[in-house]
N, C-alpha and C. Protein backbone atom coordinates (compact mmCIF):
# COMPACT_ATOMS: atom_id res chain seq x y z
N UNK A 1 85.15 259.10 234.13
CA UNK A 1 84.24 258.27 233.39
C UNK A 1 82.93 259.00 233.10
N UNK A 2 82.38 259.68 234.12
CA UNK A 2 81.11 260.37 233.91
C UNK A 2 81.28 261.57 232.99
N UNK A 3 82.46 262.18 232.95
CA UNK A 3 82.70 263.29 232.04
C UNK A 3 82.63 262.83 230.59
N UNK A 4 83.09 261.63 230.34
CA UNK A 4 83.03 261.08 228.98
C UNK A 4 81.58 260.85 228.58
N UNK A 5 80.80 260.31 229.49
CA UNK A 5 79.38 260.05 229.20
C UNK A 5 78.64 261.36 228.96
N UNK A 6 78.91 262.38 229.78
CA UNK A 6 78.27 263.68 229.59
C UNK A 6 78.67 264.32 228.27
N UNK A 7 79.93 264.19 227.90
CA UNK A 7 80.39 264.75 226.63
C UNK A 7 79.72 264.05 225.46
N UNK A 8 79.55 262.75 225.56
CA UNK A 8 78.88 262.01 224.49
C UNK A 8 77.41 262.40 224.41
N UNK A 9 76.78 262.60 225.55
CA UNK A 9 75.37 263.01 225.55
C UNK A 9 75.20 264.40 224.97
N UNK A 10 76.11 265.31 225.28
CA UNK A 10 76.06 266.67 224.74
C UNK A 10 76.27 266.67 223.23
N UNK A 11 77.17 265.81 222.77
CA UNK A 11 77.42 265.71 221.34
C UNK A 11 76.20 265.14 220.62
N UNK A 12 75.55 264.15 221.22
CA UNK A 12 74.38 263.54 220.61
C UNK A 12 73.19 264.50 220.63
N UNK A 13 73.12 265.37 221.63
CA UNK A 13 71.99 266.30 221.73
C UNK A 13 72.02 267.32 220.59
N UNK A 14 73.16 267.61 220.04
CA UNK A 14 73.25 268.56 218.95
C UNK A 14 72.70 268.02 217.64
N UNK A 15 72.47 266.73 217.56
CA UNK A 15 72.01 266.11 216.32
C UNK A 15 70.52 265.78 216.33
N UNK A 16 69.76 266.39 217.24
CA UNK A 16 68.33 266.08 217.34
C UNK A 16 67.56 266.90 216.30
N UNK A 17 66.66 266.25 215.62
CA UNK A 17 65.79 266.91 214.67
C UNK A 17 64.88 267.89 215.42
N UNK A 18 64.70 269.14 214.94
CA UNK A 18 63.83 270.09 215.64
C UNK A 18 62.39 269.59 215.78
N UNK A 19 61.92 268.81 214.84
CA UNK A 19 60.56 268.26 214.95
C UNK A 19 60.45 267.29 216.10
N UNK A 20 61.48 266.47 216.27
CA UNK A 20 61.47 265.54 217.39
C UNK A 20 61.59 266.28 218.72
N UNK A 21 62.34 267.37 218.73
CA UNK A 21 62.45 268.17 219.95
C UNK A 21 61.09 268.78 220.31
N UNK A 22 60.33 269.21 219.30
CA UNK A 22 59.00 269.78 219.56
C UNK A 22 58.05 268.72 220.09
N UNK A 23 58.12 267.51 219.55
CA UNK A 23 57.28 266.42 220.05
C UNK A 23 57.67 266.09 221.49
N UNK A 24 58.95 266.09 221.76
CA UNK A 24 59.41 265.83 223.12
C UNK A 24 58.93 266.87 224.10
N UNK A 25 58.97 268.14 223.70
CA UNK A 25 58.46 269.19 224.59
C UNK A 25 56.96 269.06 224.78
N UNK A 26 56.25 268.73 223.71
CA UNK A 26 54.80 268.56 223.84
C UNK A 26 54.45 267.46 224.83
N UNK A 27 55.18 266.36 224.75
CA UNK A 27 54.95 265.28 225.71
C UNK A 27 55.37 265.69 227.12
N UNK A 28 56.44 266.48 227.21
CA UNK A 28 56.90 266.94 228.52
C UNK A 28 55.97 267.97 229.14
N UNK A 29 55.19 268.67 228.34
CA UNK A 29 54.27 269.68 228.86
C UNK A 29 52.98 269.07 229.38
N UNK A 30 52.75 267.82 229.07
CA UNK A 30 51.53 267.15 229.56
C UNK A 30 51.56 267.03 231.09
N UNK A 31 52.72 266.70 231.64
CA UNK A 31 52.84 266.52 233.09
C UNK A 31 52.49 267.77 233.88
N UNK A 32 53.11 268.92 233.56
CA UNK A 32 52.73 270.13 234.29
C UNK A 32 51.26 270.52 234.08
N UNK A 33 50.73 270.25 232.90
CA UNK A 33 49.31 270.55 232.67
C UNK A 33 48.40 269.74 233.57
N UNK A 34 48.70 268.46 233.69
CA UNK A 34 47.92 267.61 234.59
C UNK A 34 48.13 268.03 236.04
N UNK A 35 49.36 268.38 236.37
CA UNK A 35 49.66 268.81 237.74
C UNK A 35 48.89 270.05 238.15
N UNK A 36 48.81 271.03 237.27
CA UNK A 36 48.07 272.25 237.58
C UNK A 36 46.59 271.93 237.77
N UNK A 37 46.06 271.07 236.92
CA UNK A 37 44.66 270.67 237.07
C UNK A 37 44.40 269.99 238.40
N UNK A 38 45.30 269.12 238.81
CA UNK A 38 45.13 268.43 240.10
C UNK A 38 45.27 269.38 241.28
N UNK A 39 46.18 270.35 241.17
CA UNK A 39 46.36 271.32 242.26
C UNK A 39 45.08 272.10 242.50
N UNK A 40 44.52 272.66 241.45
CA UNK A 40 43.35 273.51 241.65
C UNK A 40 42.09 272.70 241.89
N UNK A 41 42.04 271.46 241.43
CA UNK A 41 40.92 270.58 241.80
C UNK A 41 40.94 270.30 243.29
N UNK A 42 42.13 270.11 243.84
CA UNK A 42 42.25 269.88 245.29
C UNK A 42 41.87 271.13 246.07
N UNK A 43 42.21 272.32 245.56
CA UNK A 43 41.83 273.56 246.24
C UNK A 43 40.32 273.73 246.24
N UNK A 44 39.69 273.46 245.13
CA UNK A 44 38.23 273.59 245.05
C UNK A 44 37.57 272.59 246.00
N UNK A 45 38.08 271.37 246.02
CA UNK A 45 37.53 270.34 246.90
C UNK A 45 37.73 270.73 248.36
N UNK A 46 38.92 271.20 248.71
CA UNK A 46 39.19 271.59 250.09
C UNK A 46 38.38 272.80 250.53
N UNK A 47 38.19 273.75 249.62
CA UNK A 47 37.38 274.93 249.94
C UNK A 47 35.92 274.55 250.12
N UNK A 48 35.44 273.59 249.35
CA UNK A 48 34.06 273.14 249.50
C UNK A 48 33.86 272.44 250.84
N UNK A 49 34.88 271.75 251.32
CA UNK A 49 34.76 271.05 252.60
C UNK A 49 34.95 271.98 253.79
N UNK A 50 35.91 272.91 253.69
CA UNK A 50 36.19 273.84 254.78
C UNK A 50 36.39 275.24 254.21
N UNK A 51 35.32 275.99 254.09
CA UNK A 51 35.43 277.33 253.50
C UNK A 51 36.37 278.27 254.27
N UNK A 52 36.52 278.05 255.58
CA UNK A 52 37.38 278.94 256.36
C UNK A 52 38.86 278.74 256.06
N UNK A 53 39.22 277.65 255.40
CA UNK A 53 40.63 277.38 255.06
C UNK A 53 41.00 277.85 253.66
N UNK A 54 40.13 278.63 253.04
CA UNK A 54 40.36 279.04 251.65
C UNK A 54 41.65 279.82 251.48
N UNK A 55 41.95 280.73 252.38
CA UNK A 55 43.16 281.55 252.26
C UNK A 55 44.43 280.72 252.31
N UNK A 56 44.50 279.79 253.25
CA UNK A 56 45.68 278.93 253.35
C UNK A 56 45.80 278.03 252.12
N UNK A 57 44.67 277.50 251.68
CA UNK A 57 44.70 276.60 250.52
C UNK A 57 45.15 277.34 249.26
N UNK A 58 44.71 278.57 249.09
CA UNK A 58 45.10 279.32 247.90
C UNK A 58 46.58 279.67 247.93
N UNK A 59 47.09 279.98 249.11
CA UNK A 59 48.53 280.27 249.21
C UNK A 59 49.38 279.06 248.85
N UNK A 60 48.99 277.91 249.35
CA UNK A 60 49.70 276.67 249.02
C UNK A 60 49.54 276.35 247.54
N UNK A 61 48.34 276.58 247.02
CA UNK A 61 48.08 276.25 245.61
C UNK A 61 48.93 277.10 244.68
N UNK A 62 49.05 278.40 244.96
CA UNK A 62 49.81 279.24 244.06
C UNK A 62 51.30 278.95 244.13
N UNK A 63 51.80 278.59 245.30
CA UNK A 63 53.23 278.25 245.38
C UNK A 63 53.51 276.93 244.66
N UNK A 64 52.63 275.95 244.78
CA UNK A 64 52.85 274.70 244.04
C UNK A 64 52.59 274.88 242.54
N UNK A 65 51.69 275.80 242.19
CA UNK A 65 51.46 276.13 240.79
C UNK A 65 52.73 276.69 240.16
N UNK A 66 53.41 277.58 240.89
CA UNK A 66 54.66 278.16 240.38
C UNK A 66 55.71 277.08 240.19
N UNK A 67 55.84 276.18 241.16
CA UNK A 67 56.82 275.11 241.03
C UNK A 67 56.51 274.20 239.84
N UNK A 68 55.24 273.94 239.60
CA UNK A 68 54.85 273.10 238.48
C UNK A 68 55.12 273.79 237.15
N UNK A 69 54.86 275.08 237.08
CA UNK A 69 55.10 275.81 235.84
C UNK A 69 56.58 275.96 235.55
N UNK A 70 57.40 275.97 236.58
CA UNK A 70 58.85 276.03 236.35
C UNK A 70 59.30 274.79 235.58
N UNK A 71 58.68 273.66 235.85
CA UNK A 71 59.02 272.45 235.09
C UNK A 71 58.72 272.63 233.61
N UNK A 72 57.60 273.27 233.30
CA UNK A 72 57.26 273.52 231.89
C UNK A 72 58.25 274.50 231.26
N UNK A 73 58.66 275.51 232.03
CA UNK A 73 59.63 276.48 231.49
C UNK A 73 61.00 275.83 231.27
N UNK A 74 61.40 274.95 232.17
CA UNK A 74 62.65 274.21 231.97
C UNK A 74 62.54 273.36 230.71
N UNK A 75 61.37 272.77 230.50
CA UNK A 75 61.17 271.96 229.30
C UNK A 75 61.29 272.76 228.02
N UNK A 76 60.76 273.99 228.00
CA UNK A 76 60.86 274.78 226.78
C UNK A 76 62.30 275.27 226.55
N UNK A 77 63.03 275.51 227.63
CA UNK A 77 64.45 275.89 227.48
C UNK A 77 65.23 274.72 226.89
N UNK A 78 64.96 273.53 227.38
CA UNK A 78 65.64 272.34 226.85
C UNK A 78 65.25 272.10 225.39
N UNK A 79 63.99 272.42 225.04
CA UNK A 79 63.56 272.31 223.65
C UNK A 79 64.40 273.22 222.76
N UNK A 80 64.56 274.48 223.19
CA UNK A 80 65.35 275.41 222.36
C UNK A 80 66.81 274.99 222.29
N UNK A 81 67.34 274.45 223.37
CA UNK A 81 68.71 273.98 223.33
C UNK A 81 68.86 272.78 222.40
N UNK A 82 67.90 271.87 222.44
CA UNK A 82 67.99 270.66 221.62
C UNK A 82 67.74 270.94 220.15
N UNK A 83 66.83 271.89 219.86
CA UNK A 83 66.53 272.16 218.46
C UNK A 83 67.56 273.07 217.81
N UNK A 84 68.37 273.74 218.61
CA UNK A 84 69.40 274.61 218.05
C UNK A 84 68.86 275.94 217.56
N UNK A 85 67.67 276.31 218.01
CA UNK A 85 67.08 277.60 217.58
C UNK A 85 67.65 278.76 218.34
């Protein structure tokens, strides 16, 4: 049953207008952009409160930054798949 649903979704994905795919990616890129802003705002706030924890906070920040940016990269891959470019 789920194979039929996936096949129908894959067939429908081939008929997406490239303009709509670009709008979808633009909306999908808002989340990682907000996430990166919140990550580094928290690092600045934490460093202001405890300057001795700066090294640990930056390490955590860069690893979560990478995870957040991977979401944006997945979004652009899906955009290219949906637009057929």
